[in-house]
Amino acid sequence: MVSIVFFTAANEEEAKKIVERLLEEKLVACANMFPVKSAYWWEDKLESSVEIFVWMKTRADKFERIVERIKELHSYELPVVEMIDSKTFPDVEQWIESCVKEK
């Protein structure tokens, strides 16, 4: 099953560092990064910031390990990491599978 895992990072440097580690560890097949304007509640205050949104293709069974690694590498006290299941055509699914094989 192909899944999309996504999170935000404080800046491009942090996003790249996390993505590179996840790619090196064969936890994700690829990632897209782009700036977003975020608005959210934090410690009873309404906040806003510019962050880097990271969208990654992987397998569903990698989610727990991805979350562990992001929490270890992320600067946020509470990084939000989410996953949605995705459908794609067989060639892309095979490519993702080949990229996230166990070492």
PDB file of N, CA and C in Angstrom:
ATOM      1  N   MET A   1       0.847  -1.187   0.000  1.00  0.00           N
ATOM      2  CA  MET A   1       0.000   0.000   0.000  1.00  0.00           C
ATOM      3  C   MET A   1       0.884   1.239   0.000  1.00  0.00           C
ATOM      4  N   VAL A   2       0.670   2.110  -0.936  1.00  0.00           N
ATOM      5  CA  VAL A   2       1.394   3.366  -1.010  1.00  0.00           C
ATOM      6  C   VAL A   2       0.745   4.360  -0.059  1.00  0.00           C
ATOM      7  N   SER A   3       1.566   5.115   0.632  1.00  0.00           N
ATOM      8  CA  SER A   3       1.064   6.138   1.551  1.00  0.00           C
ATOM      9  C   SER A   3       1.821   7.436   1.343  1.00  0.00           C
ATOM     10  N   ILE A   4       1.153   8.510   1.724  1.00  0.00           N
ATOM     11  CA  ILE A   4       1.754   9.838   1.721  1.00  0.00           C
ATOM     12  C   ILE A   4       1.920  10.239   3.181  1.00  0.00           C
ATOM     13  N   VAL A   5       3.130  10.590   3.567  1.00  0.00           N
ATOM     14  CA  VAL A   5       3.401  11.075   4.921  1.00  0.00           C
ATOM     15  C   VAL A   5       3.812  12.531   4.775  1.00  0.00           C
ATOM     16  N   PHE A   6       3.274  13.379   5.655  1.00  0.00           N
ATOM     17  CA  PHE A   6       3.605  14.794   5.554  1.00  0.00           C
ATOM     18  C   PHE A   6       3.781  15.428   6.921  1.00  0.00           C
ATOM     19  N   PHE A   7       4.575  16.505   6.936  1.00  0.00           N
ATOM     20  CA  PHE A   7       4.843  17.273   8.149  1.00  0.00           C
ATOM     21  C   PHE A   7       5.326  18.656   7.738  1.00  0.00           C
ATOM     22  N   THR A   8       5.428  19.559   8.704  1.00  0.00           N
ATOM     23  CA  THR A   8       6.027  20.862   8.436  1.00  0.00           C
ATOM     24  C   THR A   8       7.317  20.981   9.231  1.00  0.00           C
ATOM     25  N   ALA A   9       8.235  21.754   8.704  1.00  0.00           N
ATOM     26  CA  ALA A   9       9.510  22.023   9.364  1.00  0.00           C
ATOM     27  C   ALA A   9       9.661  23.528   9.536  1.00  0.00           C
ATOM     28  N   ALA A  10      10.509  23.918  10.465  1.00  0.00           N
ATOM     29  CA  ALA A  10      10.696  25.337  10.781  1.00  0.00           C
ATOM     30  C   ALA A  10      11.315  26.120   9.632  1.00  0.00           C
ATOM     31  N   ASN A  11      12.170  25.445   8.840  1.00  0.00           N
ATOM     32  CA  ASN A  11      12.847  26.135   7.742  1.00  0.00           C
ATOM     33  C   ASN A  11      13.349  25.102   6.728  1.00  0.00           C
ATOM     34  N   GLU A  12      13.869  25.598   5.615  1.00  0.00           N
ATOM     35  CA  GLU A  12      14.308  24.700   4.547  1.00  0.00           C
ATOM     36  C   GLU A  12      15.478  23.811   4.974  1.00  0.00           C
ATOM     37  N   GLU A  13      16.390  24.365   5.742  1.00  0.00           N
ATOM     38  CA  GLU A  13      17.544  23.589   6.206  1.00  0.00           C
ATOM     39  C   GLU A  13      17.090  22.384   7.032  1.00  0.00           C
ATOM     40  N   GLU A  14      16.170  22.608   7.954  1.00  0.00           N
ATOM     41  CA  GLU A  14      15.676  21.506   8.775  1.00  0.00           C
ATOM     42  C   GLU A  14      14.927  20.478   7.930  1.00  0.00           C
ATOM     43  N   ALA A  15      14.089  20.945   7.018  1.00  0.00           N
ATOM     44  CA  ALA A  15      13.342  20.029   6.149  1.00  0.00           C
ATOM     45  C   ALA A  15      14.297  19.160   5.337  1.00  0.00           C
ATOM     46  N   LYS A  16      15.316  19.774   4.727  1.00  0.00           N
ATOM     47  CA  LYS A  16      16.294  19.025   3.933  1.00  0.00           C
ATOM     48  C   LYS A  16      17.037  17.999   4.773  1.00  0.00           C
ATOM     49  N   LYS A  17      17.436  18.384   5.980  1.00  0.00           N
ATOM     50  CA  LYS A  17      18.167  17.472   6.868  1.00  0.00           C
ATOM     51  C   LYS A  17      17.317  16.235   7.180  1.00  0.00           C
ATOM     52  N   ILE A  18      16.065  16.448   7.498  1.00  0.00           N
ATOM     53  CA  ILE A  18      15.172  15.329   7.831  1.00  0.00           C
ATOM     54  C   ILE A  18      14.925  14.460   6.608  1.00  0.00           C
ATOM     55  N   VAL A  19      14.628  15.084   5.481  1.00  0.00           N
ATOM     56  CA  VAL A  19      14.360  14.335   4.245  1.00  0.00           C
ATOM     57  C   VAL A  19      15.579  13.515   3.826  1.00  0.00           C
ATOM     58  N   GLU A  20      16.751  14.106   3.874  1.00  0.00           N
ATOM     59  CA  GLU A  20      17.961  13.368   3.493  1.00  0.00           C
ATOM     60  C   GLU A  20      18.154  12.131   4.360  1.00  0.00           C
ATOM     61  N   ARG A  21      17.925  12.280   5.647  1.00  0.00           N
ATOM     62  CA  ARG A  21      18.074  11.133   6.558  1.00  0.00           C
ATOM     63  C   ARG A  21      17.054  10.046   6.232  1.00  0.00           C
ATOM     64  N   LEU A  22      15.801  10.432   5.999  1.00  0.00           N
ATOM     65  CA  LEU A  22      14.760   9.450   5.684  1.00  0.00           C
ATOM     66  C   LEU A  22      15.028   8.751   4.365  1.00  0.00           C
ATOM     67  N   LEU A  23      15.552   9.477   3.393  1.00  0.00           N
ATOM     68  CA  LEU A  23      15.929   8.860   2.119  1.00  0.00           C
ATOM     69  C   LEU A  23      17.108   7.901   2.299  1.00  0.00           C
ATOM     70  N   GLU A  24      18.127   8.332   3.010  1.00  0.00           N
ATOM     71  CA  GLU A  24      19.303   7.484   3.247  1.00  0.00           C
ATOM     72  C   GLU A  24      18.919   6.188   3.950  1.00  0.00           C
ATOM     73  N   GLU A  25      17.959   6.265   4.860  1.00  0.00           N
ATOM     74  CA  GLU A  25      17.535   5.092   5.625  1.00  0.00           C
ATOM     75  C   GLU A  25      16.457   4.282   4.909  1.00  0.00           C
ATOM     76  N   LYS A  26      16.173   4.626   3.663  1.00  0.00           N
ATOM     77  CA  LYS A  26      15.196   3.910   2.833  1.00  0.00           C
ATOM     78  C   LYS A  26      13.807   3.872   3.459  1.00  0.00           C
ATOM     79  N   LEU A  27      13.445   4.952   4.161  1.00  0.00           N
ATOM     80  CA  LEU A  27      12.115   5.037   4.764  1.00  0.00           C
ATOM     81  C   LEU A  27      11.112   5.696   3.824  1.00  0.00           C
ATOM     82  N   VAL A  28      11.594   6.503   2.901  1.00  0.00           N
ATOM     83  CA  VAL A  28      10.731   7.151   1.911  1.00  0.00           C
ATOM     84  C   VAL A  28      11.376   7.024   0.538  1.00  0.00           C
ATOM     85  N   ALA A  29      10.526   7.101  -0.499  1.00  0.00           N
ATOM     86  CA  ALA A  29      11.019   7.022  -1.875  1.00  0.00           C
ATOM     87  C   ALA A  29      11.379   8.398  -2.413  1.00  0.00           C
ATOM     88  N   CYS A  30      10.621   9.411  -2.029  1.00  0.00           N
ATOM     89  CA  CYS A  30      10.881  10.765  -2.491  1.00  0.00           C
ATOM     90  C   CYS A  30      10.149  11.755  -1.595  1.00  0.00           C
ATOM     91  N   ALA A  31      10.505  13.015  -1.747  1.00  0.00           N
ATOM     92  CA  ALA A  31       9.860  14.069  -0.960  1.00  0.00           C
ATOM     93  C   ALA A  31       9.759  15.339  -1.789  1.00  0.00           C
ATOM     94  N   ASN A  32       8.697  16.070  -1.554  1.00  0.00           N
ATOM     95  CA  ASN A  32       8.494  17.392  -2.142  1.00  0.00           C
ATOM     96  C   ASN A  32       8.439  18.381  -0.995  1.00  0.00           C
ATOM     97  N   MET A  33       9.087  19.524  -1.167  1.00  0.00           N
ATOM     98  CA  MET A  33       9.138  20.539  -0.113  1.00  0.00           C
ATOM     99  C   MET A  33       8.744  21.889  -0.686  1.00  0.00           C
ATOM    100  N   PHE A  34       7.888  22.602   0.034  1.00  0.00           N
ATOM    101  CA  PHE A  34       7.520  23.931  -0.420  1.00  0.00           C
ATOM    102  C   PHE A  34       7.070  24.787   0.759  1.00  0.00           C
ATOM    103  N   PRO A  35       7.263  26.109   0.666  1.00  0.00           N
ATOM    104  CA  PRO A  35       6.879  26.994   1.772  1.00  0.00           C
ATOM    105  C   PRO A  35       5.361  27.120   1.875  1.00  0.00           C
ATOM    106  N   VAL A  36       4.891  27.208   3.119  1.00  0.00           N
ATOM    107  CA  VAL A  36       3.463  27.410   3.387  1.00  0.00           C
ATOM    108  C   VAL A  36       3.317  28.434   4.509  1.00  0.00           C
ATOM    109  N   LYS A  37       2.190  29.108   4.520  1.00  0.00           N
ATOM    110  CA  LYS A  37       1.846  29.986   5.627  1.00  0.00           C
ATOM    111  C   LYS A  37       0.920  29.201   6.538  1.00  0.00           C
ATOM    112  N   SER A  38       1.310  29.032   7.782  1.00  0.00           N
ATOM    113  CA  SER A  38       0.544  28.230   8.730  1.00  0.00           C
ATOM    114  C   SER A  38      -0.064  29.112   9.811  1.00  0.00           C
ATOM    115  N   ALA A  39      -1.252  28.751  10.249  1.00  0.00           N
ATOM    116  CA  ALA A  39      -1.911  29.397  11.378  1.00  0.00           C
ATOM    117  C   ALA A  39      -2.391  28.286  12.301  1.00  0.00           C
ATOM    118  N   TYR A  40      -2.174  28.451  13.613  1.00  0.00           N
ATOM    119  CA  TYR A  40      -2.456  27.362  14.545  1.00  0.00           C
ATOM    120  C   TYR A  40      -2.510  27.883  15.977  1.00  0.00           C
ATOM    121  N   TRP A  41      -3.114  27.061  16.819  1.00  0.00           N
ATOM    122  CA  TRP A  41      -3.105  27.335  18.258  1.00  0.00           C
ATOM    123  C   TRP A  41      -1.897  26.667  18.882  1.00  0.00           C
ATOM    124  N   TRP A  42      -1.180  27.409  19.726  1.00  0.00           N
ATOM    125  CA  TRP A  42      -0.067  26.829  20.491  1.00  0.00           C
ATOM    126  C   TRP A  42      -0.016  27.503  21.854  1.00  0.00           C
ATOM    127  N   GLU A  43      -0.091  26.691  22.895  1.00  0.00           N
ATOM    128  CA  GLU A  43      -0.073  27.170  24.279  1.00  0.00           C
ATOM    129  C   GLU A  43      -1.070  28.311  24.490  1.00  0.00           C
ATOM    130  N   ASP A  44      -2.299  28.064  24.072  1.00  0.00           N
ATOM    131  CA  ASP A  44      -3.432  28.984  24.244  1.00  0.00           C
ATOM    132  C   ASP A  44      -3.289  30.314  23.508  1.00  0.00           C
ATOM    133  N   LYS A  45      -2.409  30.360  22.512  1.00  0.00           N
ATOM    134  CA  LYS A  45      -2.256  31.578  21.715  1.00  0.00           C
ATOM    135  C   LYS A  45      -2.386  31.224  20.239  1.00  0.00           C
ATOM    136  N   LEU A  46      -3.015  32.113  19.503  1.00  0.00           N
ATOM    137  CA  LEU A  46      -3.093  31.944  18.055  1.00  0.00           C
ATOM    138  C   LEU A  46      -1.772  32.396  17.450  1.00  0.00           C
ATOM    139  N   GLU A  47      -1.141  31.507  16.705  1.00  0.00           N
ATOM    140  CA  GLU A  47       0.176  31.767  16.117  1.00  0.00           C
ATOM    141  C   GLU A  47       0.086  31.688  14.595  1.00  0.00           C
ATOM    142  N   SER A  48       1.069  32.248  13.937  1.00  0.00           N
ATOM    143  CA  SER A  48       1.208  32.070  12.490  1.00  0.00           C
ATOM    144  C   SER A  48       2.694  32.100  12.154  1.00  0.00           C
ATOM    145  N   SER A  49       3.045  31.392  11.105  1.00  0.00           N
ATOM    146  CA  SER A  49       4.444  31.350  10.695  1.00  0.00           C
ATOM    147  C   SER A  49       4.547  30.850   9.261  1.00  0.00           C
ATOM    148  N   VAL A  50       5.702  31.068   8.674  1.00  0.00           N
ATOM    149  CA  VAL A  50       6.020  30.468   7.384  1.00  0.00           C
ATOM    150  C   VAL A  50       6.851  29.226   7.701  1.00  0.00           C
ATOM    151  N   GLU A  51       6.423  28.101   7.172  1.00  0.00           N
ATOM    152  CA  GLU A  51       7.100  26.831   7.415  1.00  0.00           C
ATOM    153  C   GLU A  51       7.376  26.159   6.071  1.00  0.00           C
ATOM    154  N   ILE A  52       8.068  25.053   6.127  1.00  0.00           N
ATOM    155  CA  ILE A  52       8.278  24.231   4.937  1.00  0.00           C
ATOM    156  C   ILE A  52       7.405  22.988   5.080  1.00  0.00           C
ATOM    157  N   PHE A  53       6.518  22.792   4.117  1.00  0.00           N
ATOM    158  CA  PHE A  53       5.646  21.624   4.085  1.00  0.00           C
ATOM    159  C   PHE A  53       6.368  20.523   3.328  1.00  0.00           C
ATOM    160  N   VAL A  54       6.423  19.328   3.922  1.00  0.00           N
ATOM    161  CA  VAL A  54       7.123  18.203   3.310  1.00  0.00           C
ATOM    162  C   VAL A  54       6.114  17.084   3.049  1.00  0.00           C
ATOM    163  N   TRP A  55       6.062  16.626   1.814  1.00  0.00           N
ATOM    164  CA  TRP A  55       5.123  15.610   1.330  1.00  0.00           C
ATOM    165  C   TRP A  55       5.969  14.451   0.818  1.00  0.00           C
ATOM    166  N   MET A  56       5.821  13.248   1.387  1.00  0.00           N
ATOM    167  CA  MET A  56       6.710  12.128   1.055  1.00  0.00           C
ATOM    168  C   MET A  56       5.918  10.888   0.648  1.00  0.00           C
ATOM    169  N   LYS A  57       6.459  10.156  -0.309  1.00  0.00           N
ATOM    170  CA  LYS A  57       5.848   8.904  -0.754  1.00  0.00           C
ATOM    171  C   LYS A  57       6.595   7.740  -0.107  1.00  0.00           C
ATOM    172  N   THR A  58       5.814   6.769   0.408  1.00  0.00           N
ATOM    173  CA  THR A  58       6.397   5.647   1.126  1.00  0.00           C
ATOM    174  C   THR A  58       5.404   4.495   1.169  1.00  0.00           C
ATOM    175  N   ARG A  59       5.679   3.524   2.032  1.00  0.00           N
ATOM    176  CA  ARG A  59       4.748   2.428   2.321  1.00  0.00           C
ATOM    177  C   ARG A  59       4.166   2.647   3.711  1.00  0.00           C
ATOM    178  N   ALA A  60       2.941   2.212   3.907  1.00  0.00           N
ATOM    179  CA  ALA A  60       2.242   2.404   5.182  1.00  0.00           C
ATOM    180  C   ALA A  60       2.999   1.784   6.352  1.00  0.00           C
ATOM    181  N   ASP A  61       3.654   0.660   6.129  1.00  0.00           N
ATOM    182  CA  ASP A  61       4.346  -0.022   7.232  1.00  0.00           C
ATOM    183  C   ASP A  61       5.593   0.735   7.718  1.00  0.00           C
ATOM    184  N   LYS A  62       5.995   1.777   7.027  1.00  0.00           N
ATOM    185  CA  LYS A  62       7.153   2.588   7.432  1.00  0.00           C
ATOM    186  C   LYS A  62       6.770   3.741   8.358  1.00  0.00           C
ATOM    187  N   PHE A  63       5.461   3.989   8.536  1.00  0.00           N
ATOM    188  CA  PHE A  63       5.013   5.186   9.243  1.00  0.00           C
ATOM    189  C   PHE A  63       5.590   5.327  10.648  1.00  0.00           C
ATOM    190  N   GLU A  64       5.518   4.298  11.464  1.00  0.00           N
ATOM    191  CA  GLU A  64       5.983   4.414  12.851  1.00  0.00           C
ATOM    192  C   GLU A  64       7.462   4.782  12.913  1.00  0.00           C
ATOM    193  N   ARG A  65       8.267   4.169  12.082  1.00  0.00           N
ATOM    194  CA  ARG A  65       9.700   4.472  12.072  1.00  0.00           C
ATOM    195  C   ARG A  65       9.961   5.898  11.568  1.00  0.00           C
ATOM    196  N   ILE A  66       9.201   6.327  10.569  1.00  0.00           N
ATOM    197  CA  ILE A  66       9.334   7.696  10.072  1.00  0.00           C
ATOM    198  C   ILE A  66       9.027   8.685  11.188  1.00  0.00           C
ATOM    199  N   VAL A  67       7.945   8.452  11.921  1.00  0.00           N
ATOM    200  CA  VAL A  67       7.582   9.335  13.034  1.00  0.00           C
ATOM    201  C   VAL A  67       8.704   9.377  14.068  1.00  0.00           C
ATOM    202  N   GLU A  68       9.248   8.233  14.429  1.00  0.00           N
ATOM    203  CA  GLU A  68      10.361   8.185  15.399  1.00  0.00           C
ATOM    204  C   GLU A  68      11.523   9.051  14.929  1.00  0.00           C
ATOM    205  N   ARG A  69      11.909   8.884  13.670  1.00  0.00           N
ATOM    206  CA  ARG A  69      13.067   9.624  13.145  1.00  0.00           C
ATOM    207  C   ARG A  69      12.796  11.122  13.085  1.00  0.00           C
ATOM    208  N   ILE A  70      11.587  11.503  12.653  1.00  0.00           N
ATOM    209  CA  ILE A  70      11.267  12.927  12.593  1.00  0.00           C
ATOM    210  C   ILE A  70      11.306  13.527  13.995  1.00  0.00           C
ATOM    211  N   LYS A  71      10.741  12.845  14.971  1.00  0.00           N
ATOM    212  CA  LYS A  71      10.756  13.358  16.341  1.00  0.00           C
ATOM    213  C   LYS A  71      12.186  13.520  16.851  1.00  0.00           C
ATOM    214  N   GLU A  72      13.087  12.621  16.464  1.00  0.00           N
ATOM    215  CA  GLU A  72      14.485  12.711  16.890  1.00  0.00           C
ATOM    216  C   GLU A  72      15.208  13.895  16.246  1.00  0.00           C
ATOM    217  N   LEU A  73      14.857  14.216  15.005  1.00  0.00           N
ATOM    218  CA  LEU A  73      15.595  15.204  14.214  1.00  0.00           C
ATOM    219  C   LEU A  73      14.961  16.596  14.191  1.00  0.00           C
ATOM    220  N   HIS A  74      13.725  16.704  14.606  1.00  0.00           N
ATOM    221  CA  HIS A  74      12.938  17.933  14.460  1.00  0.00           C
ATOM    222  C   HIS A  74      13.172  18.898  15.613  1.00  0.00           C
ATOM    223  N   SER A  75      13.090  20.198  15.324  1.00  0.00           N
ATOM    224  CA  SER A  75      13.276  21.216  16.358  1.00  0.00           C
ATOM    225  C   SER A  75      12.002  21.503  17.148  1.00  0.00           C
ATOM    226  N   TYR A  76      10.847  21.131  16.625  1.00  0.00           N
ATOM    227  CA  TYR A  76       9.588  21.422  17.316  1.00  0.00           C
ATOM    228  C   TYR A  76       9.388  20.508  18.515  1.00  0.00           C
ATOM    229  N   GLU A  77       8.786  21.044  19.540  1.00  0.00           N
ATOM    230  CA  GLU A  77       8.409  20.245  20.706  1.00  0.00           C
ATOM    231  C   GLU A  77       7.392  19.168  20.311  1.00  0.00           C
ATOM    232  N   LEU A  78       6.486  19.522  19.401  1.00  0.00           N
ATOM    233  CA  LEU A  78       5.446  18.599  18.955  1.00  0.00           C
ATOM    234  C   LEU A  78       5.334  18.642  17.427  1.00  0.00           C
ATOM    235  N   PRO A  79       6.226  17.941  16.727  1.00  0.00           N
ATOM    236  CA  PRO A  79       6.080  17.912  15.273  1.00  0.00           C
ATOM    237  C   PRO A  79       4.853  17.080  14.902  1.00  0.00           C
ATOM    238  N   VAL A  80       4.042  17.611  14.025  1.00  0.00           N
ATOM    239  CA  VAL A  80       2.845  16.901  13.591  1.00  0.00           C
ATOM    240  C   VAL A  80       3.198  16.138  12.317  1.00  0.00           C
ATOM    241  N   VAL A  81       3.070  14.817  12.396  1.00  0.00           N
ATOM    242  CA  VAL A  81       3.372  13.944  11.260  1.00  0.00           C
ATOM    243  C   VAL A  81       2.096  13.162  10.970  1.00  0.00           C
ATOM    244  N   GLU A  82       1.641  13.232   9.737  1.00  0.00           N
ATOM    245  CA  GLU A  82       0.387  12.575   9.377  1.00  0.00           C
ATOM    246  C   GLU A  82       0.573  11.703   8.143  1.00  0.00           C
ATOM    247  N   MET A  83      -0.329  10.734   7.993  1.00  0.00           N
ATOM    248  CA  MET A  83      -0.249   9.819   6.861  1.00  0.00           C
ATOM    249  C   MET A  83      -1.635   9.628   6.264  1.00  0.00           C
ATOM    250  N   ILE A  84      -1.674   9.565   4.942  1.00  0.00           N
ATOM    251  CA  ILE A  84      -2.889   9.188   4.229  1.00  0.00           C
ATOM    252  C   ILE A  84      -2.530   8.103   3.227  1.00  0.00           C
ATOM    253  N   ASP A  85      -3.456   7.176   3.023  1.00  0.00           N
ATOM    254  CA  ASP A  85      -3.253   6.144   2.018  1.00  0.00           C
ATOM    255  C   ASP A  85      -3.469   6.755   0.645  1.00  0.00           C
ATOM    256  N   SER A  86      -2.772   6.215  -0.322  1.00  0.00           N
ATOM    257  CA  SER A  86      -2.803   6.786  -1.661  1.00  0.00           C
ATOM    258  C   SER A  86      -2.933   5.677  -2.692  1.00  0.00           C
ATOM    259  N   LYS A  87      -3.511   6.011  -3.812  1.00  0.00           N
ATOM    260  CA  LYS A  87      -3.585   5.083  -4.938  1.00  0.00           C
ATOM    261  C   LYS A  87      -2.796   5.689  -6.087  1.00  0.00           C
ATOM    262  N   THR A  88      -2.067   4.841  -6.764  1.00  0.00           N
ATOM    263  CA  THR A  88      -1.325   5.284  -7.935  1.00  0.00           C
ATOM    264  C   THR A  88      -1.309   4.144  -8.931  1.00  0.00           C
ATOM    265  N   PHE A  89      -0.710   4.343 -10.070  1.00  0.00           N
ATOM    266  CA  PHE A  89      -0.675   3.255 -11.042  1.00  0.00           C
ATOM    267  C   PHE A  89       0.477   2.297 -10.716  1.00  0.00           C
ATOM    268  N   PRO A  90       0.388   1.061 -11.179  1.00  0.00           N
ATOM    269  CA  PRO A  90       1.329   0.012 -10.765  1.00  0.00           C
ATOM    270  C   PRO A  90       2.804   0.339 -10.933  1.00  0.00           C
ATOM    271  N   ASP A  91       3.192   1.030 -11.991  1.00  0.00           N
ATOM    272  CA  ASP A  91       4.609   1.337 -12.195  1.00  0.00           C
ATOM    273  C   ASP A  91       5.153   2.221 -11.077  1.00  0.00           C
ATOM    274  N   VAL A  92       4.374   3.207 -10.659  1.00  0.00           N
ATOM    275  CA  VAL A  92       4.807   4.091  -9.571  1.00  0.00           C
ATOM    276  C   VAL A  92       4.842   3.319  -8.261  1.00  0.00           C
ATOM    277  N   GLU A  93       3.840   2.491  -8.027  1.00  0.00           N
ATOM    278  CA  GLU A  93       3.814   1.680  -6.805  1.00  0.00           C
ATOM    279  C   GLU A  93       5.045   0.770  -6.744  1.00  0.00           C
ATOM    280  N   GLN A  94       5.416   0.160  -7.843  1.00  0.00           N
ATOM    281  CA  GLN A  94       6.609  -0.699  -7.881  1.00  0.00           C
ATOM    282  C   GLN A  94       7.872   0.112  -7.615  1.00  0.00           C
ATOM    283  N   TRP A  95       7.950   1.309  -8.170  1.00  0.00           N
ATOM    284  CA  TRP A  95       9.115   2.171  -7.929  1.00  0.00           C
ATOM    285  C   TRP A  95       9.229   2.513  -6.448  1.00  0.00           C
ATOM    286  N   ILE A  96       8.118   2.908  -5.819  1.00  0.00           N
ATOM    287  CA  ILE A  96       8.134   3.235  -4.386  1.00  0.00           C
ATOM    288  C   ILE A  96       8.561   2.015  -3.583  1.00  0.00           C
ATOM    289  N   GLU A  97       7.993   0.860  -3.902  1.00  0.00           N
ATOM    290  CA  GLU A  97       8.373  -0.384  -3.218  1.00  0.00           C
ATOM    291  C   GLU A  97       9.871  -0.651  -3.345  1.00  0.00           C
ATOM    292  N   SER A  98      10.423  -0.444  -4.540  1.00  0.00           N
ATOM    293  CA  SER A  98      11.854  -0.715  -4.757  1.00  0.00           C
ATOM    294  C   SER A  98      12.737   0.257  -3.973  1.00  0.00           C
ATOM    295  N   CYS A  99      12.247   1.454  -3.733  1.00  0.00           N
ATOM    296  CA  CYS A  99      13.039   2.474  -3.039  1.00  0.00           C
ATOM    297  C   CYS A  99      13.059   2.282  -1.533  1.00  0.00           C
ATOM    298  N   VAL A 100      12.024   1.705  -0.969  1.00  0.00           N
ATOM    299  CA  VAL A 100      11.933   1.605   0.486  1.00  0.00           C
ATOM    300  C   VAL A 100      12.104   0.176   0.982  1.00  0.00           C
ATOM    301  N   LYS A 101      12.808  -0.632   0.204  1.00  0.00           N
ATOM    302  CA  LYS A 101      13.134  -1.987   0.628  1.00  0.00           C
ATOM    303  C   LYS A 101      13.996  -1.960   1.871  1.00  0.00           C
ATOM    304  N   GLU A 102      13.917  -3.024   2.623  1.00  0.00           N
ATOM    305  CA  GLU A 102      14.788  -3.161   3.799  1.00  0.00           C
ATOM    306  C   GLU A 102      16.230  -3.225   3.340  1.00  0.00           C
ATOM    307  N   LYS A 103      17.121  -2.692   4.163  1.00  0.00           N
ATOM    308  CA  LYS A 103      18.560  -2.726   3.852  1.00  0.00           C
ATOM    309  C   LYS A 103      19.085  -4.128   3.982  1.00  0.00           C
TER     310      LYS A 103
END
